[in-house]
N, C-alpha and C. Protein backbone atom coordinates (compact mmCIF):
# COMPACT_ATOMS: atom_id res chain seq x y z
N MET A 1 47.00 -10.91 18.73
CA MET A 1 46.00 -10.19 19.06
C MET A 1 44.50 -11.66 18.86
N ALA A 2 44.79 -12.63 17.81
CA ALA A 2 43.85 -13.66 17.75
C ALA A 2 44.06 -14.46 19.28
N GLU A 3 45.05 -14.72 19.37
CA GLU A 3 45.62 -15.60 21.34
C GLU A 3 44.51 -14.53 22.44
N GLY A 4 44.30 -13.33 22.03
CA GLY A 4 43.78 -12.26 23.07
C GLY A 4 45.11 -11.40 23.51
N ASP A 5 45.11 -11.61 22.78
CA ASP A 5 47.15 -10.48 23.57
C ASP A 5 46.49 -8.75 23.42
N GLU A 6 46.42 -8.29 23.82
CA GLU A 6 45.90 -7.14 24.44
C GLU A 6 47.22 -6.09 24.38
N SER A 7 47.90 -6.08 24.33
CA SER A 7 49.27 -5.34 23.99
C SER A 7 49.38 -5.48 22.57
N SER A 8 49.30 -6.66 22.05
CA SER A 8 48.85 -6.66 20.31
C SER A 8 48.42 -5.36 19.97
N LEU A 9 46.87 -5.71 20.29
CA LEU A 9 46.16 -4.42 19.97
C LEU A 9 46.52 -3.35 20.04
N ALA A 10 47.21 -2.86 21.28
CA ALA A 10 47.72 -1.90 21.68
C ALA A 10 49.14 -1.10 20.31
N ALA A 11 49.65 -2.00 20.31
CA ALA A 11 50.87 -1.86 19.43
C ALA A 11 49.83 -1.62 17.77
N LEU A 12 49.20 -2.12 17.26
CA LEU A 12 48.86 -1.96 16.17
C LEU A 12 48.12 -0.77 15.81
N TYR A 13 46.99 -0.38 17.17
CA TYR A 13 45.98 1.11 17.97
C TYR A 13 47.08 1.92 17.22
N ASP A 14 48.65 2.03 17.91
CA ASP A 14 49.50 3.29 17.79
C ASP A 14 50.25 2.91 16.57
N GLU A 15 50.30 2.14 15.96
CA GLU A 15 51.04 2.73 14.43
C GLU A 15 49.64 3.12 13.23
N LEU A 16 48.51 2.73 13.48
CA LEU A 16 47.84 2.84 12.46
C LEU A 16 46.51 4.13 12.74
N SER A 17 46.44 4.08 13.90
CA SER A 17 45.03 4.43 14.50
C SER A 17 45.22 6.24 13.68
N ASP A 18 46.40 6.84 13.95
CA ASP A 18 46.16 7.77 12.19
C ASP A 18 45.99 7.93 11.47
N ARG A 19 46.35 6.96 10.55
CA ARG A 19 46.07 6.37 9.65
C ARG A 19 44.55 6.15 8.81
N VAL A 20 44.13 5.03 10.02
CA VAL A 20 42.35 5.03 9.99
C VAL A 20 41.48 6.59 9.66
N HIS A 21 41.88 7.55 11.23
CA HIS A 21 41.42 8.85 11.26
C HIS A 21 41.95 9.73 9.83
N ALA A 22 42.98 9.14 9.19
CA ALA A 22 43.13 10.40 7.60
C ALA A 22 41.64 9.70 6.39
N LEU A 23 42.10 8.44 6.83
CA LEU A 23 40.87 8.08 5.53
C LEU A 23 39.87 7.77 6.19
N ALA A 24 39.58 7.86 7.23
CA ALA A 24 37.67 8.11 7.54
C ALA A 24 37.75 9.83 7.65
N PHE A 25 38.69 10.30 7.64
CA PHE A 25 37.59 12.28 7.87
C PHE A 25 38.06 12.22 6.64
N TRP A 26 38.87 11.87 5.36
CA TRP A 26 38.53 11.81 4.17
C TRP A 26 37.23 11.61 3.35
N ILE A 27 36.80 10.09 4.16
CA ILE A 27 35.41 9.47 2.94
C ILE A 27 34.50 10.36 4.14
N LEU A 28 34.51 10.52 5.28
CA LEU A 28 33.29 11.30 5.47
C LEU A 28 33.29 12.83 5.68
N ARG A 29 34.63 13.59 6.45
CA ARG A 29 34.49 15.00 6.61
C ARG A 29 34.07 15.23 7.35
N ASP A 30 33.95 14.16 8.94
CA ASP A 30 33.57 15.30 9.83
C ASP A 30 34.14 14.28 10.90
N ALA A 31 34.93 15.20 11.55
CA ALA A 31 36.07 14.23 12.90
C ALA A 31 35.24 13.70 14.04
N ASP A 32 34.45 14.13 14.32
CA ASP A 32 33.49 13.07 15.43
C ASP A 32 32.50 11.24 14.72
N GLU A 33 32.53 11.60 13.67
CA GLU A 33 32.16 9.72 12.72
C GLU A 33 33.86 9.38 13.00
N ALA A 34 34.73 10.23 12.16
CA ALA A 34 35.84 9.40 11.88
C ALA A 34 36.64 9.05 13.49
N GLU A 35 36.70 9.51 13.63
CA GLU A 35 36.36 9.32 15.43
C GLU A 35 35.89 7.63 16.05
N ASP A 36 34.98 7.76 15.37
CA ASP A 36 33.86 6.48 15.54
C ASP A 36 34.48 5.77 14.92
N VAL A 37 35.08 5.78 13.95
CA VAL A 37 35.49 4.40 12.74
C VAL A 37 36.40 4.67 13.43
N VAL A 38 37.43 5.08 13.86
CA VAL A 38 38.70 4.36 14.28
C VAL A 38 38.79 3.39 15.46
N GLU A 39 36.73 4.05 16.24
CA GLU A 39 36.96 2.81 17.65
C GLU A 39 36.41 1.65 16.97
N GLU A 40 35.77 1.54 16.22
CA GLU A 40 34.54 0.61 15.18
C GLU A 40 35.70 -0.39 14.57
N THR A 41 36.43 0.15 14.33
CA THR A 41 37.68 -0.16 13.71
C THR A 41 38.51 -1.43 14.33
N PHE A 42 39.01 -0.81 15.26
CA PHE A 42 40.21 -1.36 16.28
C PHE A 42 38.96 -2.52 16.82
N TRP A 43 38.07 -2.82 16.71
CA TRP A 43 37.21 -2.95 17.59
C TRP A 43 36.79 -4.22 16.61
N GLN A 44 37.02 -4.09 15.73
CA GLN A 44 36.03 -5.59 14.83
C GLN A 44 37.87 -6.08 14.40
N ALA A 45 38.60 -4.99 14.46
CA ALA A 45 39.84 -6.20 13.82
C ALA A 45 40.37 -7.23 15.66
N TRP A 46 39.81 -7.27 16.23
CA TRP A 46 39.83 -7.34 17.77
C TRP A 46 39.30 -8.26 17.66
N HIS A 47 37.71 -8.48 17.22
CA HIS A 47 36.79 -9.30 17.77
C HIS A 47 37.51 -10.34 16.26
N THR A 48 37.53 -9.94 14.94
CA THR A 48 37.64 -10.95 13.95
C THR A 48 39.04 -10.94 13.83
N ALA A 49 39.69 -11.03 15.05
CA ALA A 49 41.73 -11.41 14.50
C ALA A 49 42.22 -12.28 13.69
N ASN A 50 41.14 -13.72 14.79
CA ASN A 50 41.04 -15.30 14.16
C ASN A 50 40.84 -15.43 12.87
N GLN A 51 40.51 -14.30 12.29
CA GLN A 51 39.91 -14.24 10.65
C GLN A 51 41.08 -14.00 9.62
N TYR A 52 42.34 -12.57 9.83
CA TYR A 52 43.10 -12.62 9.45
C TYR A 52 44.28 -13.68 9.08
N ASP A 53 44.10 -13.11 7.55
CA ASP A 53 44.96 -14.09 6.54
C ASP A 53 46.37 -13.21 6.26
N GLY A 54 47.57 -13.41 6.91
CA GLY A 54 48.87 -12.72 6.23
C GLY A 54 49.34 -13.09 4.95
N ARG A 55 48.87 -14.37 3.89
CA ARG A 55 48.78 -14.57 2.79
C ARG A 55 47.80 -13.83 1.95
N ARG A 56 46.37 -13.12 2.85
CA ARG A 56 45.78 -12.41 1.41
C ARG A 56 46.29 -11.09 1.87
N ALA A 57 46.93 -9.68 2.88
CA ALA A 57 46.81 -8.72 3.06
C ALA A 57 48.00 -8.87 4.02
N SER A 58 48.49 -7.59 4.11
CA SER A 58 49.29 -7.05 5.25
C SER A 58 48.38 -6.96 6.44
N ALA A 59 49.32 -7.12 7.76
CA ALA A 59 47.98 -6.00 8.65
C ALA A 59 47.69 -5.42 8.64
N SER A 60 48.37 -3.72 8.11
CA SER A 60 48.13 -2.28 8.02
C SER A 60 47.04 -2.50 6.75
N GLY A 61 47.16 -3.25 5.52
CA GLY A 61 45.92 -3.68 4.64
C GLY A 61 44.90 -4.05 4.63
N TRP A 62 44.88 -5.32 5.53
CA TRP A 62 44.04 -5.06 6.39
C TRP A 62 42.64 -4.48 7.12
N VAL A 63 43.46 -3.90 7.82
CA VAL A 63 42.61 -2.84 9.40
C VAL A 63 42.50 -1.67 8.15
N VAL A 64 42.95 -1.12 7.51
CA VAL A 64 42.96 0.25 6.87
C VAL A 64 41.49 -0.25 5.65
N MET A 65 41.01 -1.85 5.38
CA MET A 65 40.47 -1.88 4.62
C MET A 65 38.90 -1.85 5.12
N ILE A 66 39.29 -2.60 6.65
CA ILE A 66 38.25 -2.82 7.79
C ILE A 66 38.12 -1.18 7.90
N ALA A 67 38.76 -0.30 8.16
CA ALA A 67 38.35 1.17 8.57
C ALA A 67 37.80 1.79 7.01
N ARG A 68 37.79 1.16 6.03
CA ARG A 68 37.10 2.03 4.50
C ARG A 68 35.85 1.42 4.08
N SER A 69 35.39 -0.05 5.03
CA SER A 69 34.42 -0.35 4.60
C SER A 69 33.71 0.19 5.82
N ARG A 70 34.03 0.22 6.98
CA ARG A 70 33.14 1.10 7.82
C ARG A 70 32.77 2.56 7.62
N ALA A 71 33.84 2.94 7.10
CA ALA A 71 33.48 4.85 7.09
C ALA A 71 32.28 4.60 5.51
N LEU A 72 32.30 3.83 4.77
CA LEU A 72 31.40 3.95 3.66
C LEU A 72 30.17 3.33 4.42
N ASP A 73 29.66 2.63 5.19
CA ASP A 73 28.60 1.94 5.68
C ASP A 73 28.08 3.30 6.45
N ARG A 74 28.98 4.19 7.06
CA ARG A 74 28.82 5.19 7.56
C ARG A 74 28.00 6.41 7.21
N LEU A 75 28.96 6.49 5.95
CA LEU A 75 28.47 7.47 4.27
C LEU A 75 26.92 7.80 3.90
N ARG A 76 27.39 5.74 3.43
CA ARG A 76 25.69 5.48 2.66
C ARG A 76 24.62 4.99 4.03
N ALA A 77 25.07 4.85 5.62
CA ALA A 77 23.93 5.15 6.81
C ALA A 77 23.17 7.16 6.40
N ARG A 78 23.74 7.82 6.15
CA ARG A 78 24.29 9.31 6.61
C ARG A 78 22.87 9.26 4.73
N ARG A 79 23.55 8.72 4.23
CA ARG A 79 22.54 10.13 2.54
C ARG A 79 21.24 9.16 2.77
N ARG A 80 21.04 7.16 3.46
CA ARG A 80 20.09 6.54 3.81
C ARG A 80 19.38 8.07 4.79
N ARG A 81 19.85 8.20 5.17
CA ARG A 81 19.37 8.86 6.92
C ARG A 81 18.49 10.09 6.30
N ALA A 82 19.45 11.27 5.23
CA ALA A 82 18.70 12.51 4.29
C ALA A 82 17.78 12.29 4.08
N VAL A 83 17.99 10.58 2.56
CA VAL A 83 16.72 10.56 2.23
C VAL A 83 15.80 9.92 3.08
N TRP A 84 15.37 9.35 4.33
CA TRP A 84 14.86 8.92 5.20
C TRP A 84 13.94 9.99 5.83
N THR A 85 14.36 11.54 5.90
CA THR A 85 13.96 12.12 7.25
C THR A 85 13.65 13.12 5.98
N GLU A 86 13.34 13.16 4.94
CA GLU A 86 13.01 14.19 3.57
C GLU A 86 11.54 13.35 3.18
N ALA A 87 11.39 11.83 3.30
CA ALA A 87 10.71 11.33 2.66
C ALA A 87 9.55 12.08 3.66
N ALA A 88 10.16 11.07 5.18
CA ALA A 88 8.92 11.89 6.21
C ALA A 88 8.43 12.81 6.71
N ALA A 89 9.61 14.12 6.40
CA ALA A 89 9.23 15.61 6.55
C ALA A 89 7.71 15.84 4.92
N THR A 90 8.25 14.60 4.14
CA THR A 90 6.88 15.29 2.68
C THR A 90 5.66 14.48 3.14
N ALA A 91 5.93 13.10 3.93
CA ALA A 91 4.67 12.97 4.59
C ALA A 91 3.76 12.85 6.00
N ASP A 92 4.80 13.84 6.39
CA ASP A 92 3.75 14.21 7.92
C ASP A 92 3.75 15.37 7.76
N GLN A 93 4.17 16.46 6.28
CA GLN A 93 3.23 17.31 5.64
C GLN A 93 1.74 16.93 5.17
N LEU A 94 2.19 16.23 4.35
CA LEU A 94 0.83 15.74 3.68
C LEU A 94 -0.18 15.40 4.70
N VAL A 95 0.11 13.77 5.00
CA VAL A 95 -0.69 13.60 6.32
C VAL A 95 -1.40 14.52 7.12
N GLY A 96 -0.38 15.58 8.06
CA GLY A 96 -0.79 16.60 8.47
C GLY A 96 -1.94 17.86 8.41
N ARG A 97 -1.34 18.20 6.81
CA ARG A 97 -2.56 19.11 6.51
C ARG A 97 -3.73 17.95 5.62
N ILE A 98 -3.98 17.69 5.51
CA ILE A 98 -4.79 16.65 5.04
C ILE A 98 -5.71 15.91 6.56
N ALA A 99 -5.19 15.78 7.16
CA ALA A 99 -5.20 15.31 8.40
C ALA A 99 -6.04 16.42 9.41
N GLU A 100 -5.11 17.75 9.88
CA GLU A 100 -5.89 18.97 10.15
C GLU A 100 -6.14 20.09 9.33
N GLY A 101 -6.55 19.94 7.83
CA GLY A 101 -7.07 20.78 7.21
C GLY A 101 -6.13 21.72 7.28
N GLY A 102 -5.38 21.88 7.25
CA GLY A 102 -3.90 23.00 7.35
C GLY A 102 -3.72 23.75 5.62
N PRO A 103 -2.85 24.93 5.34
CA PRO A 103 -2.65 25.77 4.51
C PRO A 103 -2.82 25.04 3.07
N GLY A 104 -3.24 25.25 1.74
CA GLY A 104 -3.29 24.35 0.98
C GLY A 104 -4.35 23.41 0.89
N VAL A 105 -5.55 22.66 1.88
CA VAL A 105 -5.75 21.60 1.23
C VAL A 105 -7.47 21.94 1.33
N THR A 106 -8.16 21.52 0.37
CA THR A 106 -9.59 22.24 0.12
C THR A 106 -10.57 21.82 1.24
N HIS A 107 -10.84 23.20 1.75
CA HIS A 107 -12.08 22.78 2.49
C HIS A 107 -13.71 21.59 2.61
N LEU A 108 -12.49 20.41 3.24
CA LEU A 108 -13.50 19.51 3.29
C LEU A 108 -13.43 19.40 4.95
N ASP A 109 -14.33 19.23 5.63
CA ASP A 109 -14.17 18.94 7.37
C ASP A 109 -13.92 17.52 7.41
N GLY A 110 -13.49 17.29 8.92
CA GLY A 110 -12.77 16.73 9.31
C GLY A 110 -12.90 15.41 8.88
N LEU A 111 -14.16 15.24 9.25
CA LEU A 111 -14.34 13.21 8.61
C LEU A 111 -14.21 13.13 6.98
N GLU A 112 -14.35 14.22 6.22
CA GLU A 112 -14.47 13.70 4.46
C GLU A 112 -12.09 13.98 4.24
N ARG A 113 -12.17 14.37 4.94
CA ARG A 113 -10.42 14.39 4.80
C ARG A 113 -9.73 13.08 5.56
N ARG A 114 -10.15 12.42 6.63
CA ARG A 114 -9.62 11.34 7.14
C ARG A 114 -10.45 10.51 6.01
N ALA A 115 -11.42 10.65 6.05
CA ALA A 115 -12.20 9.41 5.40
C ALA A 115 -11.35 8.88 3.85
N ALA A 116 -10.73 10.48 3.26
CA ALA A 116 -10.48 10.55 1.57
C ALA A 116 -8.97 9.89 2.40
N LEU A 117 -8.18 9.92 3.36
CA LEU A 117 -6.91 10.00 3.60
C LEU A 117 -7.11 7.88 4.22
N ASP A 118 -8.45 7.18 4.69
CA ASP A 118 -8.37 6.27 5.09
C ASP A 118 -8.10 5.25 3.66
N SER A 119 -9.46 6.13 2.41
CA SER A 119 -9.09 5.04 1.28
C SER A 119 -8.45 5.25 1.01
N ALA A 120 -7.27 5.95 0.28
CA ALA A 120 -6.21 6.11 -0.56
C ALA A 120 -5.42 5.07 0.30
N LEU A 121 -5.19 5.24 1.99
CA LEU A 121 -4.28 3.57 2.50
C LEU A 121 -4.58 3.08 2.46
N ARG A 122 -6.13 2.31 1.94
CA ARG A 122 -6.67 1.48 1.46
C ARG A 122 -6.87 0.76 0.47
N ALA A 123 -6.66 1.77 -0.76
CA ALA A 123 -6.18 1.76 -1.64
C ALA A 123 -4.71 1.22 -2.21
N LEU A 124 -4.02 1.02 -1.21
CA LEU A 124 -2.05 0.81 -1.29
C LEU A 124 -2.40 -1.07 -1.57
N PRO A 125 -1.32 -1.76 -1.94
CA PRO A 125 -1.11 -2.97 -2.22
C PRO A 125 -0.96 -3.10 -0.85
N LEU A 126 -0.99 -4.72 -0.43
CA LEU A 126 -1.48 -4.54 1.43
C LEU A 126 0.38 -4.53 1.86
N ASP A 127 1.52 -5.07 1.63
CA ASP A 127 2.76 -4.78 1.91
C ASP A 127 2.71 -3.33 1.98
N GLN A 128 2.50 -2.73 1.11
CA GLN A 128 3.10 -1.33 0.55
C GLN A 128 2.31 -0.28 2.42
N ARG A 129 1.31 -0.52 1.98
CA ARG A 129 0.37 -0.48 3.18
C ARG A 129 0.90 -0.34 5.01
N GLN A 130 0.88 -1.71 4.92
CA GLN A 130 1.58 -2.19 6.35
C GLN A 130 3.25 -1.44 5.92
N ALA A 131 3.81 -1.35 5.48
CA ALA A 131 5.22 -0.95 5.47
C ALA A 131 5.30 0.54 5.66
N VAL A 132 3.91 1.37 5.26
CA VAL A 132 3.47 2.42 5.51
C VAL A 132 3.45 2.88 6.83
N GLU A 133 2.35 2.18 7.28
CA GLU A 133 1.97 1.67 8.56
C GLU A 133 2.60 2.07 9.28
N LEU A 134 3.76 1.27 9.55
CA LEU A 134 4.88 0.28 10.60
C LEU A 134 5.66 2.15 10.57
N ALA A 135 6.40 2.34 9.47
CA ALA A 135 6.34 3.73 9.42
C ALA A 135 6.26 4.30 10.00
N PHE A 136 5.50 4.82 9.36
CA PHE A 136 4.44 6.66 9.89
C PHE A 136 4.04 6.83 10.85
N PHE A 137 3.38 4.94 11.13
CA PHE A 137 2.28 5.45 12.38
C PHE A 137 2.62 4.57 13.97
N GLY A 138 4.19 4.01 13.16
CA GLY A 138 4.51 3.14 13.78
C GLY A 138 5.86 3.39 14.47
N GLY A 139 6.64 4.46 13.48
CA GLY A 139 7.72 4.74 14.14
C GLY A 139 9.17 3.72 13.74
N LEU A 140 8.45 3.09 13.07
CA LEU A 140 9.35 2.41 13.03
C LEU A 140 10.72 2.48 11.91
N SER A 141 11.57 2.23 12.27
CA SER A 141 12.63 2.66 10.96
C SER A 141 12.89 1.12 9.86
N HIS A 142 13.10 1.69 8.90
CA HIS A 142 13.37 1.32 7.66
C HIS A 142 13.68 -0.45 8.12
N SER A 143 15.01 -0.47 8.72
CA SER A 143 15.99 -2.10 9.66
C SER A 143 14.46 -2.65 10.43
N GLU A 144 14.30 -1.53 11.46
CA GLU A 144 12.71 -2.42 12.55
C GLU A 144 11.61 -2.73 11.21
N ILE A 145 11.48 -2.04 10.25
CA ILE A 145 10.32 -3.15 9.60
C ILE A 145 10.83 -4.38 8.87
N ALA A 146 12.20 -4.36 8.11
CA ALA A 146 12.73 -5.11 7.18
C ALA A 146 12.76 -6.74 8.72
N GLU A 147 12.74 -5.92 9.69
CA GLU A 147 13.25 -7.19 10.94
C GLU A 147 11.89 -7.71 11.20
N ARG A 148 10.92 -6.93 11.27
CA ARG A 148 9.58 -7.20 11.94
C ARG A 148 9.20 -7.90 10.93
N THR A 149 9.23 -7.25 9.88
CA THR A 149 8.39 -8.59 8.32
C THR A 149 8.97 -9.18 7.65
N ALA A 150 10.30 -8.89 8.42
CA ALA A 150 11.28 -10.97 7.29
C ALA A 150 11.15 -10.76 6.21
N GLN A 151 11.57 -9.20 5.77
CA GLN A 151 11.61 -8.76 4.61
C GLN A 151 13.11 -8.09 4.35
N PRO A 152 13.84 -8.30 2.70
CA PRO A 152 15.59 -8.15 3.01
C PRO A 152 14.56 -6.30 2.78
N LEU A 153 15.73 -5.37 3.43
CA LEU A 153 16.10 -4.24 3.55
C LEU A 153 15.52 -3.38 2.91
N GLY A 154 16.06 -3.66 1.23
CA GLY A 154 15.82 -2.63 0.40
C GLY A 154 14.17 -3.01 0.21
N THR A 155 13.45 -3.84 0.06
CA THR A 155 12.22 -4.50 -0.31
C THR A 155 11.28 -3.33 0.48
N VAL A 156 11.80 -3.22 2.01
CA VAL A 156 10.72 -2.15 2.51
C VAL A 156 11.13 -0.56 1.59
N LYS A 157 12.29 -0.27 1.46
CA LYS A 157 12.61 0.69 1.22
C LYS A 157 11.71 0.72 0.40
N THR A 158 11.49 0.07 -0.98
CA THR A 158 10.81 0.06 -2.43
C THR A 158 9.47 0.19 -1.84
N ARG A 159 8.86 -0.51 -0.77
CA ARG A 159 7.68 -0.99 -1.06
C ARG A 159 7.24 0.90 -0.51
N ILE A 160 8.20 1.52 0.69
CA ILE A 160 7.62 3.23 1.32
C ILE A 160 7.46 3.78 -0.23
N ARG A 161 8.74 3.83 -0.82
CA ARG A 161 8.26 4.85 -1.61
C ARG A 161 7.10 5.23 -2.43
N LEU A 162 6.91 3.69 -3.30
CA LEU A 162 5.45 3.45 -4.27
C LEU A 162 4.73 3.53 -3.55
N ALA A 163 5.27 3.40 -2.26
CA ALA A 163 3.75 4.35 -1.77
C ALA A 163 3.56 5.42 -0.71
N MET A 164 4.31 5.94 -1.05
CA MET A 164 4.20 7.47 -1.32
C MET A 164 4.02 7.88 -1.75
N GLN A 165 4.71 7.80 -3.02
CA GLN A 165 4.32 8.41 -4.58
C GLN A 165 2.97 7.74 -4.67
N LYS A 166 2.07 6.81 -4.15
CA LYS A 166 0.56 7.04 -4.75
C LYS A 166 -0.40 7.57 -3.72
N LEU A 167 0.68 8.15 -3.03
CA LEU A 167 -0.70 8.71 -1.77
C LEU A 167 -0.65 10.00 -1.73
N ARG A 168 1.20 10.66 -2.95
CA ARG A 168 0.72 11.51 -3.49
C ARG A 168 -0.26 12.07 -4.40
N GLN A 169 -0.52 11.27 -5.82
CA GLN A 169 -1.13 11.00 -6.47
C GLN A 169 -2.55 11.06 -5.96
N GLY A 170 -2.72 10.37 -5.21
CA GLY A 170 -3.90 9.49 -4.57
C GLY A 170 -4.47 11.36 -3.92
N LEU A 171 -3.85 11.67 -3.03
CA LEU A 171 -4.44 12.61 -2.18
C LEU A 171 -4.48 13.90 -2.83
N ALA A 172 -4.02 14.35 -4.58
CA ALA A 172 -3.58 15.10 -4.80
C ALA A 172 -5.25 16.28 -4.75
N PHE A 173 -5.97 15.80 -4.71
CA PHE A 173 -6.94 16.76 -5.16
C PHE A 173 -7.51 17.19 -4.14
N LEU A 174 -6.67 16.73 -2.89
CA LEU A 174 -7.12 17.29 -1.96
C LEU A 174 -6.26 18.92 -1.49
N ALA A 175 -5.14 18.98 -1.57
CA ALA A 175 -4.31 20.48 -2.03
C ALA A 175 -5.09 21.12 -3.25
N GLU A 176 -5.20 22.23 -2.55
CA GLU A 176 -5.47 23.52 -4.11
C GLU A 176 -4.03 23.36 -4.83
N ASP A 177 -3.17 23.80 -4.53
CA ASP A 177 -2.28 23.63 -5.49
C ASP A 177 -1.62 23.01 -5.84
N GLY A 178 -2.07 21.59 -6.09
CA GLY A 178 -0.92 20.50 -6.46
C GLY A 178 -0.64 19.93 -6.19
N HIS A 179 -0.02 20.11 -5.14
CA HIS A 179 0.85 19.79 -3.87
C HIS A 179 0.58 18.80 -2.37
């Protein structure tokens, strides 16, 4: 494979694809995602075959470790998406309730609600405000924010989480029921 022999890839696929699929399915519990992992695994094996070292692992062990890594990456991404979706929904509800004066919001006029939101955003540290604005008003993903701001992904996520906590606290007075 390291020399570009496609028949080697085909033979490796024929030998290991069922095992890779079973492992991916066991980790992800999703047949479609397991199929994607199989594809990603053999694509990575093909493109990194020159890095394979038979002294460190058998070919099957190497491919299975690639599959495990790809499946765990997908599992982590799924969990991050779930957390992000929940946080985005909470933020959207909060901003929507404040901006539109929906249920649970005190009877302030639109200008007062918008002024409260603007004030709460301005009270955030600059790095947190920038991350929140890029996420919720710019529509960027955490990864896109990290790339745009040249900050580590974990830093971006922490800034958004802290900012959302501060916004909830700072705007709690607008909600009649305290949410």
